[in-house]
Protein backbone atom coordinates (compact mmCIF):
# COMPACT_ATOMS: atom_id res chain seq x y z
CA UNK A 1 0.58 -15.30 5.89
CA UNK A 2 -0.49 -15.43 2.33
CA UNK A 3 -1.12 -13.02 -0.32
CA UNK A 4 -3.03 -9.45 0.04
CA UNK A 5 -4.62 -8.14 -3.29
CA UNK A 6 -6.09 -9.26 -6.76
CA UNK A 7 -4.14 -9.54 -10.17
CA UNK A 8 -5.56 -6.63 -11.86
CA UNK A 9 -6.24 -6.46 -15.66
CA UNK A 10 -4.77 -2.79 -15.62
CA UNK A 11 -2.17 -1.32 -13.86
CA UNK A 12 -4.60 1.29 -12.46
CA UNK A 13 -8.42 1.01 -12.11
CA UNK A 14 -11.27 3.10 -13.78
CA UNK A 15 -11.50 5.37 -10.68
CA UNK A 16 -7.73 6.04 -10.51
CA UNK A 17 -8.00 6.83 -14.96
CA UNK A 18 -10.84 9.16 -14.05
CA UNK A 19 -9.52 10.71 -11.42
CA UNK A 20 -6.34 12.17 -13.26
CA UNK A 21 -8.62 13.11 -16.49
CA UNK A 22 -10.37 15.18 -14.87
CA UNK A 23 -7.67 16.43 -12.91
CA UNK A 24 -7.48 20.72 -12.43
CA UNK A 25 -4.30 20.74 -14.35
CA UNK A 26 -5.92 19.50 -17.08
CA UNK A 27 -6.33 16.56 -19.12
CA UNK A 28 -3.31 14.00 -17.88
CA UNK A 29 -2.82 10.29 -17.57
CA UNK A 30 -1.76 8.46 -14.27
CA UNK A 31 1.70 7.61 -13.52
CA UNK A 32 3.15 4.43 -14.95
CA UNK A 33 2.97 1.95 -13.00
CA UNK A 34 3.46 -2.28 -13.02
CA UNK A 35 1.46 -4.47 -11.65
CA UNK A 36 3.59 -6.37 -9.27
CA UNK A 37 3.52 -9.17 -6.31
CA UNK A 38 6.48 -8.41 -3.51
CA UNK A 39 6.73 -9.94 -0.76
CA UNK A 40 7.86 -8.72 2.30
CA UNK A 41 7.01 -7.85 6.36
CA UNK A 42 4.12 -6.18 6.88
CA UNK A 43 5.84 -2.58 8.96
CA UNK A 44 4.25 0.66 10.56
CA UNK A 45 7.05 3.05 8.51
CA UNK A 46 6.91 5.26 11.13
CA UNK A 47 8.74 3.16 13.85
CA UNK A 48 10.85 1.30 10.99
CA UNK A 49 12.47 4.62 9.79
CA UNK A 50 13.10 6.48 13.12
CA UNK A 51 13.62 3.68 15.84
CA UNK A 52 14.56 0.75 13.30
CA UNK A 53 11.88 -1.08 14.79
CA UNK A 54 9.74 -4.18 13.11
CA UNK A 55 9.75 -7.64 13.36
CA UNK A 56 7.71 -9.70 15.85
CA UNK A 57 8.48 -7.72 19.31
CA UNK A 58 7.24 -4.48 17.69
CA UNK A 59 3.94 -5.93 16.86
CA UNK A 60 1.68 -4.98 19.71
CA UNK A 61 3.17 -1.15 18.85
CA UNK A 62 2.66 -1.16 14.63
CA UNK A 63 -0.42 -2.40 15.22
CA UNK A 64 -1.29 0.62 17.83
CA UNK A 65 0.84 3.13 15.42
CA UNK A 66 -1.13 1.84 12.31
CA UNK A 67 -4.46 2.44 13.88
CA UNK A 68 -3.33 5.67 14.88
CA UNK A 69 -2.68 6.70 10.79
CA UNK A 70 1.07 6.14 10.80
CA UNK A 71 1.61 4.60 7.28
CA UNK A 72 1.64 0.94 6.25
CA UNK A 73 5.02 -0.39 4.46
CA UNK A 74 5.96 -3.71 3.01
CA UNK A 75 9.67 -4.13 3.75
CA UNK A 76 11.17 -6.87 0.93
CA UNK A 77 14.75 -8.69 2.29
CA UNK A 78 16.33 -6.97 0.00
CA UNK A 79 15.79 -3.95 2.27
CA UNK A 80 13.51 -2.17 0.41
CA UNK A 81 10.09 -0.55 1.46
CA UNK A 82 6.85 -0.24 0.03
CA UNK A 83 4.60 2.50 1.15
CA UNK A 84 1.06 0.61 0.88
CA UNK A 85 -2.17 1.59 -0.53
CA UNK A 86 -5.43 0.43 -1.75
CA UNK A 87 -5.55 0.70 -5.61
CA UNK A 88 -9.32 2.43 -6.01
CA UNK A 89 -8.61 6.57 -6.69
CA UNK A 90 -12.19 7.45 -4.99
CA UNK A 91 -12.88 4.85 -2.72
CA UNK A 92 -9.47 5.26 -0.89
CA UNK A 93 -10.41 9.08 -1.21
CA UNK A 94 -13.97 8.51 0.17
CA UNK A 95 -12.78 5.92 3.30
CA UNK A 96 -14.47 2.97 1.17
CA UNK A 97 -11.14 1.18 1.53
CA UNK A 98 -10.32 0.56 5.07
CA UNK A 99 -10.77 -3.44 4.12
CA UNK A 100 -6.52 -3.14 3.42
CA UNK A 101 -6.21 -1.67 5.99
CA UNK A 102 -7.65 -3.27 9.11
CA UNK A 103 -5.86 -6.25 6.90
CA UNK A 104 -2.54 -4.64 6.96
CA UNK A 105 -3.03 -3.97 10.45
CA UNK A 106 -4.04 -7.48 11.74
CA UNK A 107 -0.77 -8.81 9.52
CA UNK A 108 1.29 -6.59 11.21
CA UNK A 109 4.75 -7.91 11.59
CA UNK A 110 4.11 -11.12 8.88
CA UNK A 111 5.49 -12.20 5.62
CA UNK A 112 2.60 -11.28 2.79
CA UNK A 113 2.78 -11.50 -0.96
CA UNK A 114 1.20 -8.10 -2.44
CA UNK A 115 -0.35 -7.58 -5.58
CA UNK A 116 -1.19 -4.74 -6.95
CA UNK A 117 0.66 -1.44 -9.29
CA UNK A 118 3.96 -0.44 -7.81
CA UNK A 119 5.16 2.96 -9.12
CA UNK A 120 8.29 4.92 -7.89
CA UNK A 121 8.55 9.26 -7.69
CA UNK A 122 11.67 11.39 -6.34
CA UNK A 123 12.91 7.22 -4.76
CA UNK A 124 9.41 7.38 -2.24
CA UNK A 125 7.88 3.60 -3.99
CA UNK A 126 4.41 2.64 -4.02
CA UNK A 127 2.18 -0.46 -3.83
CA UNK A 128 -1.12 0.70 -4.10
CA UNK A 129 -2.54 -2.80 -3.77
CA UNK A 130 -5.60 -4.01 -5.84
CA UNK A 131 -9.30 -5.18 -4.57
CA UNK A 132 -9.84 -4.17 -1.16
CA UNK A 133 -12.94 -1.40 -2.09
CA UNK A 134 -16.28 -1.45 -0.29
């Protein structure tokens, strides 16, 4: 189903760096991130973690769940789950990165390559997909 996300020149966009610097907790940097391209199946994280459901038979349900706000992830062949979201902080926060969510819902149950900035915190893995802000 192709590749989602542009290859960034820096781990974090200007809006993400700005959001970190203007934090209420004082000056800080964004978390460490690594630019990666990952391959896996687009899943509805809720149904997968709760019921183990994914794949073509679960596509319609996964799309409905994602349209109603459930998190979307990428399931690698080794079983690792990555939460997927748009990288650009302010557009994501302000609802101007819906293109990624819509694209991922369309690709539910398909295997895709996703490119962006990867980070892990307390075992939770996230790929902030680049290039989807309006």
